[in-house]
Amino acid sequence: MVKPASPSIRIKTPYVGVYYRFAKRRKCADGKLDKCYDITFKRPGGKTVYERVGWRSEGYTIEDAIKLRGLRIRETRHPELFKPRKPERSKGITVDEAWDAFKQNWLPNLKNQYHTEKTYERYIRPRFGQRYILTISELELEGFKQELLTTGGKEGNGLKPASVAQIITNFKRIVNKALKWNMFEGRNPLSGMTVKNSFEKRERYLSREEADRIFDGLQFVSCPLYKISRIALYTGLRLNEIINLRGRDINLEQGTIHVRFGKAGERTAYIPKDFTAELARMLPPDPAALLFARADGGPLSAAATSLAFAKFIDSAGLNEPGVDTLHKIVFHTFRHTFCSWLAIAGVPLYTIAKLAGHKTISMTQRYAKLSPSVQRDALDHLT
């Protein structure tokens, strides 16, 4: 019996451009590991494209993959035969047409252009690209959302709620722009869609002992990751904000950090006095240089840095076996700990919101229960 390959490895079949890969754990009704069929072909211009066909547990077969690849090849070689008919006025425009206008007129304004385009090509186009926007029902969209949450990942596992929320947000924004530009008349079927972000429920924050244990280990594993983690805990900055910091962004005399790539735009963060000397040793000789950079001088990858931290946490056994996602220690736990420690120390929620760069005070409300004594003390002023 041949042992299945790693879930991340595509295995070539005897048929040209047709591959399959195994799921990590999920099995089909016959007890065998589920597997997904993929196809590859070239777009005009020579760009190689990989497209997921579907999982065996969903009823897809290798014959489906062969047929779909043949269709894609014909579409590429003879686009005139597959060119969609001009949309009927009652149906408006297709999602692909809305995307083409968005890509040309609005995408260049976004700083996350690559991620937005990748999201569309991988998740939205295969399901809704040829559909007229006005024919898409809210029920279909809810089904799409649930599929992403349960089987949308590379290995057939579900995507994180935050990732699904970003996909839905991008989809909604594309359609909204088409509406604004009078490309069709009607309403956006995605207007009422939301994805509850599981991080809003995240309760995990570090104790002082846990933080010390993490830092004690990190300093021997990776000096840059150790320093990045220290900044995250003592300033509350997000990972992406830290890896984009340059020497000129830090003013030690004023105790401030100019955050240029914040989630909600530019903002000012503050440096604790006891952390000033340590941060000073991290500054590069050239004020224009990044605090943390690759060998070529470019910024570190947030995904790679986060993954390196996750591997360290797992190797150190700091996450208990079987712990759920909401209670795992991840890099973002530093930011959650920053806010939690401030709340425990009695810092007002409004101040915590400003220090953390929260868009609204409602994002800070979950820390209220960590400072009940402060709320009780406030009542003493009534008498």
Protein backbone atom coordinates (compact mmCIF):
# COMPACT_ATOMS: atom_id res chain seq x y z
CA MET A 1 0.00 0.00 0.00
CA VAL A 2 1.39 3.38 -1.03
CA LYS A 3 1.54 5.87 1.82
CA PRO A 4 -0.19 9.17 0.91
CA ALA A 5 2.16 12.08 0.36
CA SER A 6 2.16 15.26 2.41
CA PRO A 7 -1.12 17.24 2.08
CA SER A 8 0.79 20.20 0.64
CA ILE A 9 2.32 18.17 -2.23
CA ARG A 10 0.57 17.93 -5.59
CA ILE A 11 0.89 14.50 -7.15
CA LYS A 12 0.96 14.25 -10.94
CA THR A 13 -1.49 11.89 -12.60
CA PRO A 14 -0.94 10.15 -15.97
CA TYR A 15 -3.07 12.89 -17.55
CA VAL A 16 -1.43 16.11 -18.73
CA GLY A 17 -1.95 19.02 -16.35
CA VAL A 18 -4.02 17.05 -13.84
CA TYR A 19 -2.87 16.62 -10.24
CA TYR A 20 -4.27 15.59 -6.90
CA ARG A 21 -3.31 16.14 -3.24
CA PHE A 22 -4.46 14.50 -0.03
CA ALA A 23 -6.29 16.16 2.83
CA LYS A 24 -4.46 16.28 6.13
CA ARG A 25 -6.97 14.30 8.19
CA ARG A 26 -10.40 14.30 6.57
CA LYS A 27 -11.58 11.00 5.15
CA CYS A 28 -14.25 9.96 2.68
CA ALA A 29 -17.11 7.60 3.42
CA ASP A 30 -14.97 4.60 2.36
CA GLY A 31 -12.42 5.41 5.06
CA LYS A 32 -9.74 6.62 2.65
CA LEU A 33 -8.12 10.03 2.94
CA ASP A 34 -9.98 12.67 0.99
CA LYS A 35 -8.14 14.12 -1.99
CA CYS A 36 -8.54 17.20 -4.10
CA TYR A 37 -8.11 17.35 -7.89
CA ASP A 38 -6.21 20.31 -9.37
CA ILE A 39 -5.50 21.31 -12.95
CA THR A 40 -2.85 23.54 -14.47
CA PHE A 41 -2.81 25.41 -17.75
CA LYS A 42 -1.40 28.59 -19.24
CA ARG A 43 -3.16 31.88 -19.74
CA PRO A 44 -2.44 34.09 -22.78
CA GLY A 45 1.04 35.48 -22.25
CA GLY A 46 2.41 32.26 -20.80
CA LYS A 47 1.34 32.63 -17.15
CA THR A 48 0.84 29.22 -15.53
CA VAL A 49 -2.38 28.91 -13.54
CA TYR A 50 -3.38 26.29 -10.98
CA GLU A 51 -7.09 25.80 -10.40
CA ARG A 52 -8.79 23.65 -7.81
CA VAL A 53 -11.45 21.37 -9.30
CA GLY A 54 -12.87 19.87 -6.11
CA TRP A 55 -12.64 17.15 -3.49
CA ARG A 56 -13.52 13.48 -3.89
CA SER A 57 -15.81 13.80 -0.86
CA GLU A 58 -17.74 16.42 -2.82
CA GLY A 59 -18.31 14.02 -5.70
CA TYR A 60 -15.52 15.23 -8.01
CA THR A 61 -13.62 12.67 -10.06
CA ILE A 62 -10.49 12.68 -12.16
CA GLU A 63 -12.75 12.69 -15.25
CA ASP A 64 -14.20 16.02 -14.07
CA ALA A 65 -10.69 17.42 -13.80
CA ILE A 66 -9.77 16.25 -17.32
CA LYS A 67 -12.95 17.76 -18.80
CA LEU A 68 -12.49 21.08 -16.98
CA ARG A 69 -8.88 21.40 -18.12
CA GLY A 70 -9.94 20.75 -21.71
CA LEU A 71 -12.54 23.50 -21.39
CA ARG A 72 -9.97 25.93 -19.98
CA ILE A 73 -7.55 25.19 -22.83
CA ARG A 74 -10.27 25.85 -25.42
CA GLU A 75 -11.28 29.07 -23.68
CA THR A 76 -7.66 30.22 -23.81
CA ARG A 77 -7.03 29.32 -27.46
CA HIS A 78 -10.40 30.40 -28.83
CA PRO A 79 -11.78 33.11 -26.53
CA GLU A 80 -14.10 34.32 -29.26
CA LEU A 81 -16.10 31.11 -28.97
CA PHE A 82 -16.59 31.57 -25.23
CA LYS A 83 -17.03 35.32 -25.04
CA PRO A 84 -20.07 36.01 -22.87
CA ARG A 85 -23.00 37.53 -24.60
CA LYS A 86 -23.77 41.15 -23.88
CA PRO A 87 -25.64 41.20 -20.59
CA GLU A 88 -29.32 41.75 -20.73
CA ARG A 89 -30.32 45.11 -19.29
CA SER A 90 -32.50 43.43 -16.70
CA LYS A 91 -29.58 41.37 -15.43
CA GLY A 92 -27.03 44.19 -15.32
CA ILE A 93 -23.37 43.11 -15.37
CA THR A 94 -21.37 40.07 -14.34
CA VAL A 95 -19.06 39.93 -11.37
CA ASP A 96 -16.08 39.61 -13.74
CA GLU A 97 -17.10 42.85 -15.48
CA ALA A 98 -17.34 44.60 -12.12
CA TRP A 99 -13.90 43.24 -11.21
CA ASP A 100 -12.33 44.37 -14.48
CA ALA A 101 -13.51 47.93 -13.82
CA PHE A 102 -12.38 47.74 -10.19
CA LYS A 103 -8.97 46.38 -11.18
CA GLN A 104 -8.38 49.13 -13.69
CA ASN A 105 -9.78 52.10 -11.80
CA TRP A 106 -9.48 51.38 -8.08
CA LEU A 107 -7.05 48.56 -7.36
CA PRO A 108 -3.97 50.76 -8.03
CA ASN A 109 -5.05 52.94 -5.07
CA LEU A 110 -4.84 50.04 -2.60
CA LYS A 111 -1.68 49.11 -0.72
CA ASN A 112 -2.69 45.42 -0.59
CA GLN A 113 -3.18 45.08 -4.36
CA TYR A 114 -1.55 41.64 -4.63
CA HIS A 115 -3.64 40.12 -1.83
CA THR A 116 -6.88 41.64 -3.18
CA GLU A 117 -6.26 40.26 -6.68
CA LYS A 118 -5.19 36.87 -5.35
CA THR A 119 -8.34 36.67 -3.23
CA TYR A 120 -10.54 37.41 -6.23
CA GLU A 121 -8.81 34.94 -8.56
CA ARG A 122 -8.75 32.10 -6.05
CA TYR A 123 -12.09 32.36 -4.28
CA ILE A 124 -14.53 34.72 -6.01
CA ARG A 125 -13.99 34.26 -9.74
CA PRO A 126 -14.36 30.43 -9.84
CA ARG A 127 -17.71 30.63 -8.04
CA PHE A 128 -19.27 33.90 -9.23
CA GLY A 129 -17.13 35.35 -12.05
CA GLN A 130 -19.62 34.64 -14.88
CA ARG A 131 -22.69 35.32 -12.77
CA TYR A 132 -24.79 38.45 -13.16
CA ILE A 133 -24.64 40.32 -9.88
CA LEU A 134 -28.41 40.80 -9.70
CA THR A 135 -29.03 37.05 -10.01
CA ILE A 136 -26.92 36.16 -6.97
CA SER A 137 -29.10 35.41 -3.96
CA GLU A 138 -28.29 36.01 -0.32
CA LEU A 139 -28.78 32.29 0.30
CA GLU A 140 -26.07 31.46 -2.24
CA LEU A 141 -23.73 33.94 -0.60
CA GLU A 142 -24.35 32.44 2.83
CA GLY A 143 -23.57 29.01 1.37
CA PHE A 144 -20.36 30.42 -0.14
CA LYS A 145 -19.37 31.85 3.24
CA GLN A 146 -19.99 28.54 5.01
CA GLU A 147 -17.94 26.65 2.42
CA LEU A 148 -15.02 28.99 3.00
CA LEU A 149 -15.30 28.50 6.75
CA THR A 150 -15.44 24.70 6.48
CA THR A 151 -13.47 23.60 3.38
CA GLY A 152 -11.95 26.74 1.86
CA GLY A 153 -8.32 26.10 2.84
CA LYS A 154 -5.57 24.49 0.78
CA GLU A 155 -5.89 21.18 2.59
CA GLY A 156 -9.66 21.16 2.59
CA ASN A 157 -9.80 22.60 6.09
CA GLY A 158 -11.78 25.73 6.87
CA LEU A 159 -10.36 29.23 6.52
CA LYS A 160 -10.11 31.39 9.62
CA PRO A 161 -13.07 33.74 10.16
CA ALA A 162 -10.78 36.74 9.68
CA SER A 163 -9.70 35.44 6.25
CA VAL A 164 -13.29 34.78 5.20
CA ALA A 165 -14.27 38.25 6.41
CA GLN A 166 -11.56 39.73 4.17
CA ILE A 167 -12.79 37.76 1.14
CA ILE A 168 -16.38 38.92 1.72
CA THR A 169 -15.20 42.51 2.28
CA ASN A 170 -13.28 42.50 -1.01
CA PHE A 171 -16.28 41.04 -2.86
CA LYS A 172 -18.59 43.62 -1.32
CA ARG A 173 -16.23 46.47 -2.20
CA ILE A 174 -15.99 45.38 -5.85
CA VAL A 175 -19.77 45.38 -6.23
CA ASN A 176 -20.15 48.67 -4.34
CA LYS A 177 -17.76 50.40 -6.73
CA ALA A 178 -19.71 49.08 -9.73
CA LEU A 179 -22.88 50.51 -8.18
CA LYS A 180 -21.20 53.85 -7.50
CA TRP A 181 -19.97 54.03 -11.08
CA ASN A 182 -23.52 53.37 -12.38
CA MET A 183 -22.52 50.13 -14.09
CA PHE A 184 -25.83 48.57 -13.07
CA GLU A 185 -28.95 49.44 -11.14
CA GLY A 186 -30.15 47.58 -8.07
CA ARG A 187 -28.74 46.69 -4.68
CA ASN A 188 -25.59 44.96 -3.54
CA PRO A 189 -26.57 41.39 -2.54
CA LEU A 190 -23.61 41.35 -0.16
CA SER A 191 -24.68 44.48 1.72
CA GLY A 192 -25.98 42.60 4.76
CA MET A 193 -23.28 39.94 4.93
CA THR A 194 -21.02 39.75 7.97
CA VAL A 195 -18.53 37.24 9.28
CA LYS A 196 -18.10 37.14 13.02
CA ASN A 197 -14.41 37.49 13.79
CA SER A 198 -13.42 34.86 16.30
CA PHE A 199 -10.67 37.11 17.67
CA GLU A 200 -13.33 39.28 19.24
CA LYS A 201 -13.89 36.38 21.62
CA ARG A 202 -10.20 35.73 22.25
CA GLU A 203 -9.59 35.71 25.97
CA ARG A 204 -5.97 34.50 26.02
CA TYR A 205 -3.35 36.82 27.37
CA LEU A 206 0.05 36.05 28.87
CA SER A 207 0.96 36.01 32.52
CA ARG A 208 4.24 37.66 33.48
CA GLU A 209 5.77 34.20 33.94
CA GLU A 210 4.63 33.05 30.49
CA ALA A 211 6.02 36.18 28.86
CA ASP A 212 9.39 35.67 30.58
CA ARG A 213 9.46 32.04 29.49
CA ILE A 214 8.78 33.01 25.87
CA PHE A 215 11.50 35.67 25.85
CA ASP A 216 14.00 33.37 27.57
CA GLY A 217 13.54 30.87 24.76
CA LEU A 218 13.31 33.30 21.84
CA GLN A 219 16.62 35.01 22.56
CA PHE A 220 18.41 31.73 21.85
CA VAL A 221 16.31 30.86 18.80
CA SER A 222 16.10 34.11 16.84
CA CYS A 223 17.46 37.50 17.84
CA PRO A 224 15.25 39.47 15.39
CA LEU A 225 12.12 37.57 16.45
CA TYR A 226 13.02 38.17 20.10
CA LYS A 227 13.31 41.93 19.51
CA ILE A 228 10.13 42.09 17.42
CA SER A 229 8.24 40.26 20.16
CA ARG A 230 9.55 42.64 22.83
CA ILE A 231 8.34 45.64 20.84
CA ALA A 232 4.94 43.99 20.34
CA LEU A 233 4.42 43.39 24.06
CA TYR A 234 5.60 46.76 25.35
CA THR A 235 4.10 49.03 22.67
CA GLY A 236 1.04 47.07 21.52
CA LEU A 237 2.04 47.41 17.87
CA ARG A 238 0.77 44.88 15.34
CA LEU A 239 3.30 42.67 13.55
CA ASN A 240 2.86 44.44 10.21
CA GLU A 241 3.39 47.80 11.94
CA ILE A 242 6.63 46.62 13.53
CA ILE A 243 8.26 45.10 10.45
CA ASN A 244 7.67 48.35 8.54
CA LEU A 245 9.31 50.58 11.18
CA ARG A 246 12.34 52.63 10.17
CA GLY A 247 14.83 54.35 12.43
CA ARG A 248 13.38 57.79 11.68
CA ASP A 249 9.96 56.66 12.91
CA ILE A 250 11.19 56.41 16.50
CA ASN A 251 11.68 59.52 18.63
CA LEU A 252 13.35 58.43 21.87
CA GLU A 253 13.38 61.93 23.37
CA GLN A 254 9.61 62.33 22.99
CA GLY A 255 8.95 58.64 23.62
CA THR A 256 6.88 58.24 20.46
CA ILE A 257 6.69 55.93 17.45
CA HIS A 258 5.28 57.14 14.15
CA VAL A 259 3.26 54.22 12.78
CA ARG A 260 3.03 54.69 9.02
CA PHE A 261 1.33 51.45 8.08
CA GLY A 262 -1.34 51.11 10.75
CA LYS A 263 -4.49 49.12 10.17
CA ALA A 264 -6.51 52.33 10.45
CA GLY A 265 -3.92 54.58 8.82
CA GLU A 266 -1.06 56.57 10.35
CA ARG A 267 -0.98 57.05 14.10
CA THR A 268 1.32 57.71 17.04
CA ALA A 269 2.31 54.98 19.49
CA TYR A 270 4.18 55.49 22.75
CA ILE A 271 7.30 53.97 24.32
CA PRO A 272 7.32 52.98 28.02
CA LYS A 273 10.18 54.71 29.86
CA ASP A 274 11.63 51.40 31.05
CA PHE A 275 11.73 50.15 27.46
CA THR A 276 13.45 53.21 25.94
CA ALA A 277 17.04 52.06 26.46
CA GLU A 278 16.32 48.60 25.04
CA LEU A 279 14.59 50.06 21.99
CA ALA A 280 17.49 52.47 21.45
CA ARG A 281 19.83 49.50 20.97
CA MET A 282 17.61 48.21 18.16
CA LEU A 283 17.84 51.38 16.03
CA PRO A 284 19.82 51.06 12.78
CA PRO A 285 22.77 53.43 12.08
CA ASP A 286 20.90 54.79 9.04
CA PRO A 287 17.63 56.49 10.13
CA ALA A 288 16.08 55.60 6.76
CA ALA A 289 16.76 51.88 7.21
CA LEU A 290 14.27 49.35 8.52
CA LEU A 291 14.68 48.11 12.09
CA PHE A 292 14.29 44.57 10.80
CA ALA A 293 15.06 43.71 7.19
CA ARG A 294 15.87 40.87 4.83
CA ALA A 295 19.35 40.44 3.40
CA ASP A 296 18.35 42.61 0.41
CA GLY A 297 17.15 45.42 2.68
CA GLY A 298 13.44 44.82 2.12
CA PRO A 299 10.86 44.34 4.89
CA LEU A 300 10.35 40.94 6.50
CA SER A 301 7.32 38.87 5.56
CA ALA A 302 4.59 39.11 8.20
CA ALA A 303 3.36 35.62 7.33
CA ALA A 304 6.84 34.07 7.60
CA THR A 305 7.54 35.87 10.88
CA SER A 306 4.24 34.79 12.36
CA LEU A 307 4.88 31.20 11.25
CA ALA A 308 8.36 31.22 12.81
CA PHE A 309 6.84 32.36 16.10
CA ALA A 310 4.15 29.66 15.92
CA LYS A 311 6.80 26.98 15.34
CA PHE A 312 8.75 28.21 18.36
CA ILE A 313 5.64 28.13 20.57
CA ASP A 314 4.84 24.58 19.43
CA SER A 315 8.42 23.36 19.92
CA ALA A 316 8.49 24.90 23.40
CA GLY A 317 5.23 23.18 24.30
CA LEU A 318 3.60 26.45 25.36
CA ASN A 319 0.24 25.57 23.79
CA GLU A 320 -1.49 22.71 25.54
CA PRO A 321 -2.39 19.73 23.31
CA GLY A 322 -5.84 20.10 21.78
CA VAL A 323 -6.18 23.76 22.76
CA ASP A 324 -8.76 25.57 20.61
CA THR A 325 -7.91 28.47 18.33
CA LEU A 326 -9.30 31.09 20.70
CA HIS A 327 -6.94 30.06 23.48
CA LYS A 328 -3.77 29.43 21.50
CA ILE A 329 -0.71 31.60 21.97
CA VAL A 330 -0.07 33.35 18.65
CA PHE A 331 1.98 36.42 17.82
CA HIS A 332 -1.10 38.64 18.17
CA THR A 333 -1.34 37.45 21.78
CA PHE A 334 1.36 40.04 22.61
CA ARG A 335 -0.97 42.85 21.56
CA HIS A 336 -3.86 41.31 23.49
CA THR A 337 -1.57 41.01 26.53
CA PHE A 338 -0.52 44.67 26.19
CA CYS A 339 -4.16 45.77 26.43
CA SER A 340 -5.01 43.25 29.16
CA TRP A 341 -2.12 44.27 31.41
CA LEU A 342 -3.09 47.93 31.07
CA ALA A 343 -6.70 47.11 31.99
CA ILE A 344 -5.58 45.10 35.02
CA ALA A 345 -3.41 48.06 36.08
CA GLY A 346 -6.53 50.25 36.05
CA VAL A 347 -5.85 52.26 32.89
CA PRO A 348 -9.16 53.68 31.53
CA LEU A 349 -10.55 51.90 28.47
CA TYR A 350 -10.54 55.10 26.43
CA THR A 351 -6.78 55.46 27.04
CA ILE A 352 -6.17 51.82 26.15
CA ALA A 353 -8.09 52.34 22.90
CA LYS A 354 -5.86 55.31 22.02
CA LEU A 355 -2.65 53.47 22.91
CA ALA A 356 -3.64 50.41 20.89
CA GLY A 357 -4.92 52.37 17.91
CA HIS A 358 -8.41 50.84 18.03
CA LYS A 359 -10.85 52.31 15.53
CA THR A 360 -13.67 52.41 18.05
CA ILE A 361 -14.00 52.08 21.82
CA SER A 362 -16.21 49.02 21.26
CA MET A 363 -13.06 47.09 20.25
CA THR A 364 -11.67 47.79 23.72
CA GLN A 365 -14.79 46.81 25.65
CA ARG A 366 -13.72 43.20 26.06
CA TYR A 367 -11.02 44.36 28.48
CA ALA A 368 -13.54 46.01 30.81
CA LYS A 369 -14.01 42.90 32.93
CA LEU A 370 -10.28 42.87 33.70
CA SER A 371 -10.57 46.10 35.70
CA PRO A 372 -13.70 45.73 37.88
CA SER A 373 -12.04 47.47 40.82
CA VAL A 374 -11.63 50.63 38.75
CA GLN A 375 -15.34 50.62 37.95
CA ARG A 376 -16.23 50.09 41.61
CA ASP A 377 -13.88 52.88 42.71
CA ALA A 378 -15.64 55.24 40.31
CA LEU A 379 -18.84 54.83 42.32
CA ASP A 380 -17.13 56.23 45.41
CA HIS A 381 -17.18 59.67 43.83
CA LEU A 382 -20.99 59.72 44.11
CA THR A 383 -20.95 60.05 47.89
